[in-house]
Amino acid sequence: MTASTGASGASGGPGRGRGASALLVLVVMATALIVRQREQTDQQRRVAVGRELITAAEDLRDNDPRLSLLSSLGRPELAPPRKPVPGS
């Protein structure tokens, strides 16, 4: 066994392990980025649905106050309350 074949052995060379490690790090980072983006997308969707419910409840307030109240019950878990508009 020579020094050149002993160092590389069956692994394919000393650089191969570092390349695989670098690839693994990139895959983990890409996966973390995808998960984070999915969470942000889900949060944005919840906020949008919450705002739609708020708008629907506000539109119903004059015609059907009881249904308006029921519609607005889900608001706190879906979206933060909107700031009141001055003069409304």
Protein backbone atom coordinates (compact mmCIF):
# COMPACT_ATOMS: atom_id res chain seq x y z
CA MET A 1 0.00 0.00 0.00
CA THR A 2 1.43 3.36 -0.98
CA ALA A 3 0.84 6.66 0.73
CA SER A 4 -1.33 7.91 -2.11
CA THR A 5 -3.68 4.91 -2.12
CA GLY A 6 -3.71 4.54 1.65
CA ALA A 7 -5.01 8.09 2.23
CA SER A 8 -7.83 7.88 -0.27
CA GLY A 9 -8.86 4.26 0.40
CA ALA A 10 -12.40 3.30 -0.56
CA SER A 11 -13.84 6.75 0.11
CA GLY A 12 -12.71 8.11 -3.23
CA GLY A 13 -10.22 10.69 -1.96
CA PRO A 14 -9.81 13.11 0.88
CA GLY A 15 -11.75 15.89 -0.87
CA ARG A 16 -14.83 13.78 -1.42
CA GLY A 17 -15.90 13.84 2.24
CA ARG A 18 -15.66 17.62 2.35
CA GLY A 19 -17.69 17.92 -0.83
CA ALA A 20 -20.40 15.68 0.58
CA SER A 21 -20.41 17.67 3.82
CA ALA A 22 -20.72 20.94 1.90
CA LEU A 23 -23.58 19.48 -0.14
CA LEU A 24 -25.33 18.32 3.01
CA VAL A 25 -25.01 21.80 4.54
CA LEU A 26 -26.50 23.35 1.37
CA VAL A 27 -29.40 20.89 1.38
CA VAL A 28 -30.14 21.61 5.05
CA MET A 29 -29.98 25.37 4.46
CA ALA A 30 -32.25 25.13 1.41
CA THR A 31 -34.74 23.02 3.36
CA ALA A 32 -34.76 25.52 6.23
CA LEU A 33 -35.36 28.34 3.76
CA ILE A 34 -38.26 26.48 2.12
CA VAL A 35 -39.85 25.74 5.50
CA ARG A 36 -39.51 29.39 6.56
CA GLN A 37 -41.03 30.65 3.32
CA ARG A 38 -43.93 28.20 3.69
CA GLU A 39 -44.57 29.44 7.23
CA GLN A 40 -44.55 33.05 6.03
CA THR A 41 -46.94 32.19 3.20
CA ASP A 42 -49.28 30.44 5.63
CA GLN A 43 -49.18 33.46 7.98
CA GLN A 44 -49.94 35.83 5.09
CA ARG A 45 -52.85 33.63 4.05
CA ARG A 46 -54.26 33.62 7.60
CA VAL A 47 -53.99 37.40 7.77
CA ALA A 48 -55.74 37.77 4.40
CA VAL A 49 -58.57 35.44 5.42
CA GLY A 50 -58.90 37.24 8.74
CA ARG A 51 -59.15 40.59 7.00
CA GLU A 52 -61.78 39.23 4.65
CA LEU A 53 -63.81 38.01 7.62
CA ILE A 54 -63.45 41.37 9.34
CA THR A 55 -64.62 43.18 6.21
CA ALA A 56 -67.57 40.81 5.82
CA ALA A 57 -68.52 41.28 9.48
CA GLU A 58 -68.33 45.06 9.14
CA ASP A 59 -70.49 44.93 6.01
CA LEU A 60 -73.08 42.84 7.85
CA ARG A 61 -73.17 45.08 10.91
CA ASP A 62 -76.05 47.25 9.71
CA ASN A 63 -78.15 44.52 8.07
CA ASP A 64 -77.60 41.61 10.44
CA PRO A 65 -75.79 42.56 13.66
CA ARG A 66 -76.10 39.06 15.10
CA LEU A 67 -74.43 37.42 12.09
CA SER A 68 -71.84 40.19 12.10
CA LEU A 69 -70.95 39.33 15.69
CA LEU A 70 -70.67 35.64 14.86
CA SER A 71 -68.49 36.40 11.84
CA SER A 72 -66.10 38.47 13.89
CA LEU A 73 -65.54 35.83 16.58
CA GLY A 74 -62.73 34.16 14.59
CA ARG A 75 -60.88 37.43 14.07
CA PRO A 76 -58.41 37.34 16.98
CA GLU A 77 -56.85 34.05 15.93
CA LEU A 78 -56.59 34.88 12.25
CA ALA A 79 -55.37 38.45 12.12
CA PRO A 80 -54.52 41.24 14.48
CA PRO A 81 -57.32 43.77 14.87
CA ARG A 82 -57.22 46.66 12.45
CA LYS A 83 -56.57 50.13 13.78
CA PRO A 84 -59.76 52.21 13.93
CA VAL A 85 -60.11 54.76 11.16
CA PRO A 86 -60.55 58.27 12.56
CA GLY A 87 -64.04 59.57 11.96
CA SER A 88 -65.72 56.20 11.54
